Amino acid sequence: MRYVIGLLIGLLVGGCFVAIVQVISGQIYPPPPDLDFSDSKQLNEWVATLPLGAWVLVYISEVGGAFVAGLVCGLIARTRWFLGLFIIGCFFSLGGLMNMLDFWHPGTYVVLSLVAYIPMALWGGQLGAQLFPSKTAPNAAADQPDVDATTT
């Protein structure tokens, strides 16, 4: 049950991280006041003019969101649950891909983002599991009794 809760809360916290960093990015690089976000042509024209710093913040928000989601999942599950972390990475990859198909993104950004989501979720989960490891982890060598070869 901890795994599922970790997965769900991880996705929620990771999504909040993305939103917070993108709000900050919008304060640093605000859109024009007359921009209509529902007009894809207008949106693409504005996005194409964004400076590198804006793209770096967007990259940090999205890839960092996958890392934070994995970290939270690892902290709650208290083990490096590969399947859950992979699901988180796939969720962020799918969200990123949908975003990239919705409006223009630089080619380098597309490649770097899609390659990073799953590894960042796995890395975050590994770090989270190491911070507070489970005492009942299924592969914990310390919990295994010593076997004396002379008693066979």
N, C-alpha and C. Protein backbone atom coordinates (compact mmCIF):
# COMPACT_ATOMS: atom_id res chain seq x y z
N MET A 1 0.82 -1.20 0.00
CA MET A 1 0.00 0.00 0.00
C MET A 1 0.87 1.26 0.00
N ARG A 2 2.02 1.19 0.70
CA ARG A 2 2.93 2.34 0.72
C ARG A 2 3.39 2.70 -0.68
N TYR A 3 3.53 1.68 -1.54
CA TYR A 3 3.99 1.92 -2.90
C TYR A 3 3.00 2.78 -3.68
N VAL A 4 1.74 2.40 -3.62
CA VAL A 4 0.70 3.13 -4.36
C VAL A 4 0.54 4.55 -3.81
N ILE A 5 0.55 4.68 -2.50
CA ILE A 5 0.44 6.01 -1.88
C ILE A 5 1.65 6.85 -2.27
N GLY A 6 2.84 6.25 -2.25
CA GLY A 6 4.05 6.96 -2.65
C GLY A 6 3.98 7.42 -4.09
N LEU A 7 3.47 6.56 -4.96
CA LEU A 7 3.33 6.90 -6.37
C LEU A 7 2.37 8.08 -6.55
N LEU A 8 1.22 8.01 -5.93
CA LEU A 8 0.21 9.06 -6.09
C LEU A 8 0.66 10.39 -5.49
N ILE A 9 1.19 10.33 -4.28
CA ILE A 9 1.65 11.58 -3.64
C ILE A 9 2.87 12.12 -4.38
N GLY A 10 3.74 11.24 -4.86
CA GLY A 10 4.89 11.68 -5.65
C GLY A 10 4.46 12.43 -6.90
N LEU A 11 3.48 11.88 -7.61
CA LEU A 11 2.98 12.56 -8.81
C LEU A 11 2.37 13.92 -8.46
N LEU A 12 1.63 13.97 -7.37
CA LEU A 12 1.01 15.23 -6.94
C LEU A 12 2.07 16.28 -6.58
N VAL A 13 3.05 15.89 -5.78
CA VAL A 13 4.10 16.83 -5.36
C VAL A 13 4.97 17.23 -6.55
N GLY A 14 5.28 16.27 -7.42
CA GLY A 14 6.06 16.58 -8.63
C GLY A 14 5.32 17.56 -9.52
N GLY A 15 4.01 17.37 -9.68
CA GLY A 15 3.21 18.30 -10.47
C GLY A 15 3.17 19.69 -9.85
N CYS A 16 3.09 19.75 -8.53
CA CYS A 16 3.12 21.05 -7.84
C CYS A 16 4.46 21.75 -8.05
N PHE A 17 5.55 20.97 -8.02
CA PHE A 17 6.88 21.53 -8.27
C PHE A 17 6.93 22.17 -9.65
N VAL A 18 6.42 21.45 -10.66
CA VAL A 18 6.39 21.98 -12.03
C VAL A 18 5.61 23.30 -12.06
N ALA A 19 4.44 23.31 -11.45
CA ALA A 19 3.59 24.51 -11.47
C ALA A 19 4.27 25.69 -10.79
N ILE A 20 4.88 25.45 -9.64
CA ILE A 20 5.53 26.54 -8.89
C ILE A 20 6.68 27.14 -9.69
N VAL A 21 7.54 26.29 -10.25
CA VAL A 21 8.69 26.81 -11.01
C VAL A 21 8.21 27.52 -12.27
N GLN A 22 7.14 27.04 -12.89
CA GLN A 22 6.65 27.71 -14.09
C GLN A 22 5.97 29.04 -13.77
N VAL A 23 5.36 29.15 -12.60
CA VAL A 23 4.81 30.45 -12.17
C VAL A 23 5.96 31.43 -11.97
N ILE A 24 7.04 30.97 -11.34
CA ILE A 24 8.22 31.82 -11.14
C ILE A 24 8.78 32.23 -12.50
N SER A 25 8.87 31.28 -13.43
CA SER A 25 9.36 31.58 -14.77
C SER A 25 8.48 32.63 -15.45
N GLY A 26 7.17 32.52 -15.26
CA GLY A 26 6.25 33.50 -15.84
C GLY A 26 6.40 34.89 -15.24
N GLN A 27 6.88 34.96 -14.00
CA GLN A 27 7.14 36.26 -13.38
C GLN A 27 8.43 36.88 -13.92
N ILE A 28 9.42 36.02 -14.19
CA ILE A 28 10.70 36.51 -14.71
C ILE A 28 10.59 36.84 -16.20
N TYR A 29 9.89 35.99 -16.94
CA TYR A 29 9.70 36.17 -18.38
C TYR A 29 8.20 36.24 -18.67
N PRO A 30 7.56 37.37 -18.35
CA PRO A 30 6.10 37.45 -18.50
C PRO A 30 5.67 37.48 -19.97
N PRO A 31 4.51 36.90 -20.24
CA PRO A 31 3.98 36.98 -21.60
C PRO A 31 3.46 38.39 -21.87
N PRO A 32 3.33 38.74 -23.14
CA PRO A 32 2.75 40.05 -23.45
C PRO A 32 1.32 40.14 -22.91
N PRO A 33 0.92 41.31 -22.47
CA PRO A 33 -0.41 41.44 -21.86
C PRO A 33 -1.56 41.10 -22.80
N ASP A 34 -1.36 41.24 -24.10
CA ASP A 34 -2.45 40.97 -25.05
C ASP A 34 -2.40 39.55 -25.63
N LEU A 35 -1.56 38.68 -25.08
CA LEU A 35 -1.43 37.31 -25.60
C LEU A 35 -2.68 36.50 -25.28
N ASP A 36 -3.24 35.88 -26.32
CA ASP A 36 -4.39 34.99 -26.17
C ASP A 36 -3.87 33.55 -26.17
N PHE A 37 -3.85 32.90 -25.00
CA PHE A 37 -3.30 31.56 -24.88
C PHE A 37 -4.12 30.52 -25.64
N SER A 38 -5.35 30.84 -26.00
CA SER A 38 -6.16 29.89 -26.77
C SER A 38 -5.87 29.97 -28.27
N ASP A 39 -5.13 30.99 -28.69
CA ASP A 39 -4.76 31.14 -30.10
C ASP A 39 -3.38 30.50 -30.30
N SER A 40 -3.35 29.31 -30.89
CA SER A 40 -2.09 28.57 -31.01
C SER A 40 -1.07 29.29 -31.87
N LYS A 41 -1.51 30.02 -32.90
CA LYS A 41 -0.57 30.76 -33.74
C LYS A 41 0.13 31.85 -32.93
N GLN A 42 -0.66 32.59 -32.18
CA GLN A 42 -0.11 33.66 -31.33
C GLN A 42 0.82 33.09 -30.26
N LEU A 43 0.40 31.98 -29.67
CA LEU A 43 1.21 31.34 -28.63
C LEU A 43 2.54 30.86 -29.20
N ASN A 44 2.52 30.22 -30.37
CA ASN A 44 3.75 29.74 -31.00
C ASN A 44 4.69 30.88 -31.35
N GLU A 45 4.14 32.00 -31.81
CA GLU A 45 4.97 33.16 -32.14
C GLU A 45 5.67 33.69 -30.89
N TRP A 46 4.95 33.76 -29.78
CA TRP A 46 5.55 34.26 -28.55
C TRP A 46 6.59 33.27 -28.01
N VAL A 47 6.26 31.99 -27.99
CA VAL A 47 7.16 30.97 -27.46
C VAL A 47 8.47 30.96 -28.24
N ALA A 48 8.40 31.18 -29.55
CA ALA A 48 9.60 31.18 -30.39
C ALA A 48 10.55 32.33 -30.04
N THR A 49 10.05 33.36 -29.35
CA THR A 49 10.90 34.51 -29.00
C THR A 49 11.48 34.41 -27.59
N LEU A 50 11.13 33.36 -26.85
CA LEU A 50 11.61 33.25 -25.47
C LEU A 50 13.12 33.08 -25.43
N PRO A 51 13.80 33.74 -24.48
CA PRO A 51 15.25 33.60 -24.36
C PRO A 51 15.63 32.25 -23.74
N LEU A 52 16.91 31.94 -23.82
CA LEU A 52 17.43 30.68 -23.29
C LEU A 52 17.09 30.51 -21.81
N GLY A 53 17.17 31.58 -21.03
CA GLY A 53 16.87 31.50 -19.60
C GLY A 53 15.47 30.99 -19.32
N ALA A 54 14.51 31.38 -20.14
CA ALA A 54 13.14 30.90 -19.97
C ALA A 54 13.06 29.40 -20.23
N TRP A 55 13.76 28.94 -21.26
CA TRP A 55 13.75 27.50 -21.57
C TRP A 55 14.47 26.69 -20.49
N VAL A 56 15.51 27.26 -19.92
CA VAL A 56 16.21 26.57 -18.82
C VAL A 56 15.27 26.41 -17.63
N LEU A 57 14.52 27.45 -17.30
CA LEU A 57 13.56 27.34 -16.19
C LEU A 57 12.46 26.32 -16.47
N VAL A 58 11.98 26.30 -17.70
CA VAL A 58 10.95 25.32 -18.06
C VAL A 58 11.53 23.91 -17.97
N TYR A 59 12.76 23.74 -18.43
CA TYR A 59 13.43 22.43 -18.36
C TYR A 59 13.60 21.99 -16.91
N ILE A 60 14.08 22.91 -16.08
CA ILE A 60 14.25 22.60 -14.65
C ILE A 60 12.91 22.22 -14.02
N SER A 61 11.86 22.93 -14.40
CA SER A 61 10.55 22.63 -13.80
C SER A 61 10.09 21.23 -14.18
N GLU A 62 10.18 20.87 -15.44
CA GLU A 62 9.64 19.60 -15.88
C GLU A 62 10.51 18.41 -15.49
N VAL A 63 11.80 18.50 -15.74
CA VAL A 63 12.69 17.39 -15.38
C VAL A 63 12.86 17.34 -13.86
N GLY A 64 12.92 18.50 -13.22
CA GLY A 64 12.96 18.54 -11.76
C GLY A 64 11.70 17.98 -11.14
N GLY A 65 10.56 18.18 -11.80
CA GLY A 65 9.31 17.61 -11.31
C GLY A 65 9.35 16.09 -11.29
N ALA A 66 9.94 15.49 -12.33
CA ALA A 66 10.09 14.03 -12.36
C ALA A 66 11.00 13.57 -11.22
N PHE A 67 12.09 14.32 -10.98
CA PHE A 67 13.01 13.98 -9.88
C PHE A 67 12.30 14.07 -8.53
N VAL A 68 11.60 15.17 -8.30
CA VAL A 68 10.90 15.38 -7.03
C VAL A 68 9.82 14.31 -6.83
N ALA A 69 9.09 13.98 -7.89
CA ALA A 69 8.06 12.93 -7.79
C ALA A 69 8.70 11.60 -7.41
N GLY A 70 9.82 11.26 -8.04
CA GLY A 70 10.53 10.02 -7.69
C GLY A 70 11.05 10.05 -6.27
N LEU A 71 11.58 11.19 -5.86
CA LEU A 71 12.10 11.35 -4.50
C LEU A 71 11.01 11.11 -3.47
N VAL A 72 9.86 11.73 -3.66
CA VAL A 72 8.75 11.57 -2.72
C VAL A 72 8.26 10.12 -2.72
N CYS A 73 8.17 9.52 -3.89
CA CYS A 73 7.75 8.12 -3.97
C CYS A 73 8.73 7.23 -3.21
N GLY A 74 10.03 7.47 -3.39
CA GLY A 74 11.05 6.69 -2.69
C GLY A 74 11.01 6.91 -1.19
N LEU A 75 10.76 8.14 -0.77
CA LEU A 75 10.66 8.44 0.66
C LEU A 75 9.49 7.71 1.30
N ILE A 76 8.36 7.69 0.62
CA ILE A 76 7.17 7.06 1.18
C ILE A 76 7.24 5.54 1.08
N ALA A 77 7.66 5.03 -0.08
CA ALA A 77 7.75 3.58 -0.26
C ALA A 77 8.91 2.99 0.54
N ARG A 78 9.91 3.82 0.81
CA ARG A 78 11.10 3.46 1.59
C ARG A 78 11.90 2.32 0.96
N THR A 79 11.76 2.20 -0.33
CA THR A 79 12.56 1.26 -1.10
C THR A 79 12.59 1.76 -2.54
N ARG A 80 13.58 1.34 -3.28
CA ARG A 80 13.68 1.77 -4.67
C ARG A 80 12.75 0.90 -5.50
N TRP A 81 11.50 1.28 -5.55
CA TRP A 81 10.45 0.54 -6.25
C TRP A 81 10.52 0.91 -7.72
N PHE A 82 11.19 0.07 -8.50
CA PHE A 82 11.46 0.39 -9.90
C PHE A 82 10.19 0.64 -10.70
N LEU A 83 9.19 -0.20 -10.56
CA LEU A 83 7.98 -0.05 -11.36
C LEU A 83 7.30 1.30 -11.11
N GLY A 84 7.16 1.68 -9.86
CA GLY A 84 6.54 2.96 -9.53
C GLY A 84 7.33 4.14 -10.07
N LEU A 85 8.64 4.06 -9.96
CA LEU A 85 9.49 5.14 -10.46
C LEU A 85 9.44 5.20 -11.98
N PHE A 86 9.37 4.05 -12.61
CA PHE A 86 9.24 3.99 -14.06
C PHE A 86 7.90 4.59 -14.50
N ILE A 87 6.84 4.28 -13.75
CA ILE A 87 5.52 4.86 -14.05
C ILE A 87 5.58 6.38 -13.94
N ILE A 88 6.24 6.89 -12.90
CA ILE A 88 6.39 8.34 -12.75
C ILE A 88 7.14 8.92 -13.94
N GLY A 89 8.26 8.31 -14.32
CA GLY A 89 9.02 8.79 -15.47
C GLY A 89 8.20 8.78 -16.75
N CYS A 90 7.43 7.71 -16.95
CA CYS A 90 6.56 7.62 -18.14
C CYS A 90 5.46 8.68 -18.10
N PHE A 91 4.90 8.92 -16.92
CA PHE A 91 3.86 9.94 -16.77
C PHE A 91 4.41 11.31 -17.16
N PHE A 92 5.59 11.65 -16.66
CA PHE A 92 6.19 12.94 -16.99
C PHE A 92 6.60 12.99 -18.47
N SER A 93 7.07 11.86 -19.02
CA SER A 93 7.41 11.81 -20.45
C SER A 93 6.18 12.06 -21.30
N LEU A 94 5.08 11.41 -20.96
CA LEU A 94 3.84 11.58 -21.71
C LEU A 94 3.33 13.02 -21.61
N GLY A 95 3.36 13.58 -20.40
CA GLY A 95 2.95 14.97 -20.23
C GLY A 95 3.83 15.93 -21.01
N GLY A 96 5.14 15.69 -20.97
CA GLY A 96 6.06 16.53 -21.72
C GLY A 96 5.84 16.42 -23.22
N LEU A 97 5.62 15.19 -23.69
CA LEU A 97 5.38 14.98 -25.11
C LEU A 97 4.09 15.66 -25.56
N MET A 98 3.04 15.55 -24.76
CA MET A 98 1.78 16.22 -25.09
C MET A 98 1.98 17.73 -25.16
N ASN A 99 2.75 18.27 -24.23
CA ASN A 99 3.04 19.69 -24.21
C ASN A 99 3.83 20.09 -25.46
N MET A 100 4.80 19.26 -25.82
CA MET A 100 5.63 19.56 -26.99
C MET A 100 4.84 19.49 -28.29
N LEU A 101 3.84 18.62 -28.34
CA LEU A 101 3.00 18.53 -29.53
C LEU A 101 1.98 19.66 -29.60
N ASP A 102 1.71 20.27 -28.46
CA ASP A 102 0.71 21.33 -28.38
C ASP A 102 1.23 22.64 -28.97
N PHE A 103 2.50 22.96 -28.71
CA PHE A 103 3.09 24.17 -29.28
C PHE A 103 4.59 23.99 -29.43
N TRP A 104 5.21 24.90 -30.16
CA TRP A 104 6.61 24.79 -30.56
C TRP A 104 7.56 24.76 -29.37
N HIS A 105 8.58 23.90 -29.47
CA HIS A 105 9.68 23.84 -28.52
C HIS A 105 10.98 23.69 -29.32
N PRO A 106 12.08 24.24 -28.83
CA PRO A 106 13.36 24.04 -29.53
C PRO A 106 13.71 22.55 -29.59
N GLY A 107 14.33 22.13 -30.68
CA GLY A 107 14.69 20.72 -30.87
C GLY A 107 15.56 20.18 -29.76
N THR A 108 16.54 20.96 -29.33
CA THR A 108 17.42 20.52 -28.25
C THR A 108 16.64 20.28 -26.97
N TYR A 109 15.70 21.15 -26.68
CA TYR A 109 14.86 21.00 -25.49
C TYR A 109 14.06 19.71 -25.56
N VAL A 110 13.50 19.42 -26.71
CA VAL A 110 12.69 18.20 -26.89
C VAL A 110 13.53 16.97 -26.59
N VAL A 111 14.70 16.88 -27.19
CA VAL A 111 15.56 15.71 -27.01
C VAL A 111 16.02 15.59 -25.56
N LEU A 112 16.54 16.68 -25.00
CA LEU A 112 17.05 16.63 -23.62
C LEU A 112 15.95 16.29 -22.62
N SER A 113 14.76 16.79 -22.84
CA SER A 113 13.66 16.51 -21.92
C SER A 113 13.23 15.06 -21.99
N LEU A 114 12.95 14.58 -23.19
CA LEU A 114 12.43 13.22 -23.33
C LEU A 114 13.43 12.17 -22.87
N VAL A 115 14.71 12.47 -22.98
CA VAL A 115 15.74 11.53 -22.52
C VAL A 115 15.88 11.56 -21.00
N ALA A 116 15.49 12.65 -20.35
CA ALA A 116 15.78 12.84 -18.93
C ALA A 116 14.68 12.42 -17.97
N TYR A 117 13.43 12.39 -18.38
CA TYR A 117 12.33 12.17 -17.43
C TYR A 117 12.47 10.86 -16.64
N ILE A 118 12.64 9.75 -17.32
CA ILE A 118 12.70 8.45 -16.63
C ILE A 118 13.95 8.35 -15.75
N PRO A 119 15.15 8.68 -16.26
CA PRO A 119 16.32 8.60 -15.38
C PRO A 119 16.22 9.52 -14.15
N MET A 120 15.63 10.70 -14.31
CA MET A 120 15.51 11.60 -13.16
C MET A 120 14.54 11.05 -12.12
N ALA A 121 13.45 10.43 -12.56
CA ALA A 121 12.51 9.81 -11.62
C ALA A 121 13.20 8.66 -10.88
N LEU A 122 13.97 7.85 -11.61
CA LEU A 122 14.69 6.73 -10.98
C LEU A 122 15.73 7.24 -9.99
N TRP A 123 16.45 8.29 -10.38
CA TRP A 123 17.47 8.84 -9.49
C TRP A 123 16.83 9.43 -8.23
N GLY A 124 15.75 10.16 -8.40
CA GLY A 124 15.04 10.72 -7.25
C GLY A 124 14.55 9.62 -6.32
N GLY A 125 13.98 8.56 -6.89
CA GLY A 125 13.49 7.45 -6.07
C GLY A 125 14.60 6.73 -5.33
N GLN A 126 15.74 6.57 -6.00
CA GLN A 126 16.88 5.93 -5.34
C GLN A 126 17.36 6.78 -4.17
N LEU A 127 17.46 8.07 -4.38
CA LEU A 127 17.88 8.97 -3.30
C LEU A 127 16.88 8.95 -2.16
N GLY A 128 15.59 9.01 -2.48
CA GLY A 128 14.55 8.97 -1.44
C GLY A 128 14.60 7.70 -0.63
N ALA A 129 14.81 6.57 -1.29
CA ALA A 129 14.88 5.28 -0.58
C ALA A 129 16.12 5.20 0.29
N GLN A 130 17.21 5.84 -0.12
CA GLN A 130 18.44 5.80 0.67
C GLN A 130 18.38 6.72 1.89
N LEU A 131 17.57 7.77 1.82
CA LEU A 131 17.48 8.69 2.95
C LEU A 131 16.85 8.03 4.16
N PHE A 132 15.79 7.27 3.95
CA PHE A 132 15.11 6.56 5.03
C PHE A 132 14.82 5.14 4.59
N PRO A 133 15.83 4.26 4.58
CA PRO A 133 15.61 2.91 4.07
C PRO A 133 14.69 2.10 4.97
N SER A 134 13.96 1.20 4.34
CA SER A 134 13.05 0.31 5.07
C SER A 134 13.87 -0.75 5.80
N LYS A 135 13.49 -1.04 7.03
CA LYS A 135 14.18 -2.09 7.77
C LYS A 135 13.73 -3.46 7.31
N THR A 136 12.66 -3.50 6.53
CA THR A 136 12.15 -4.78 6.04
C THR A 136 12.28 -4.89 4.53
N ALA A 137 13.26 -4.21 3.97
CA ALA A 137 13.47 -4.28 2.52
C ALA A 137 13.74 -5.73 2.13
N PRO A 138 13.14 -6.19 1.03
CA PRO A 138 13.26 -7.60 0.68
C PRO A 138 14.68 -8.04 0.35
N ASN A 139 15.56 -7.12 -0.01
CA ASN A 139 16.92 -7.51 -0.35
C ASN A 139 17.94 -6.99 0.66
N ALA A 140 17.51 -6.73 1.87
CA ALA A 140 18.42 -6.21 2.88
C ALA A 140 19.30 -7.34 3.40
N ALA A 141 20.58 -7.29 3.06
CA ALA A 141 21.51 -8.35 3.45
C ALA A 141 21.69 -8.41 4.96
N ALA A 142 21.56 -7.29 5.64
CA ALA A 142 21.76 -7.27 7.09
C ALA A 142 20.69 -8.06 7.82
N ASP A 143 19.51 -8.23 7.20
CA ASP A 143 18.43 -8.96 7.85
C ASP A 143 18.53 -10.46 7.68
N GLN A 144 19.46 -10.92 6.84
CA GLN A 144 19.59 -12.35 6.58
C GLN A 144 20.43 -13.00 7.68
N PRO A 145 19.99 -14.14 8.20
CA PRO A 145 20.78 -14.81 9.23
C PRO A 145 22.07 -15.36 8.65
N ASP A 146 23.11 -15.37 9.47
CA ASP A 146 24.38 -15.94 9.04
C ASP A 146 24.25 -17.45 8.96
N VAL A 147 24.80 -18.02 7.92
CA VAL A 147 24.77 -19.48 7.75
C VAL A 147 26.18 -19.98 7.99
N ASP A 148 26.31 -20.88 8.93
CA ASP A 148 27.61 -21.45 9.25
C ASP A 148 27.80 -22.69 8.39
N ALA A 149 28.82 -22.71 7.58
CA ALA A 149 29.06 -23.81 6.65
C ALA A 149 29.39 -25.11 7.36
N THR A 150 29.83 -25.04 8.61
CA THR A 150 30.23 -26.26 9.33
C THR A 150 29.04 -27.00 9.92
N THR A 151 27.85 -26.43 9.91
CA THR A 151 26.70 -27.08 10.53
C THR A 151 25.82 -27.81 9.53
N THR A 152 26.30 -28.07 8.34
CA THR A 152 25.46 -28.76 7.35
C THR A 152 25.55 -30.23 7.43
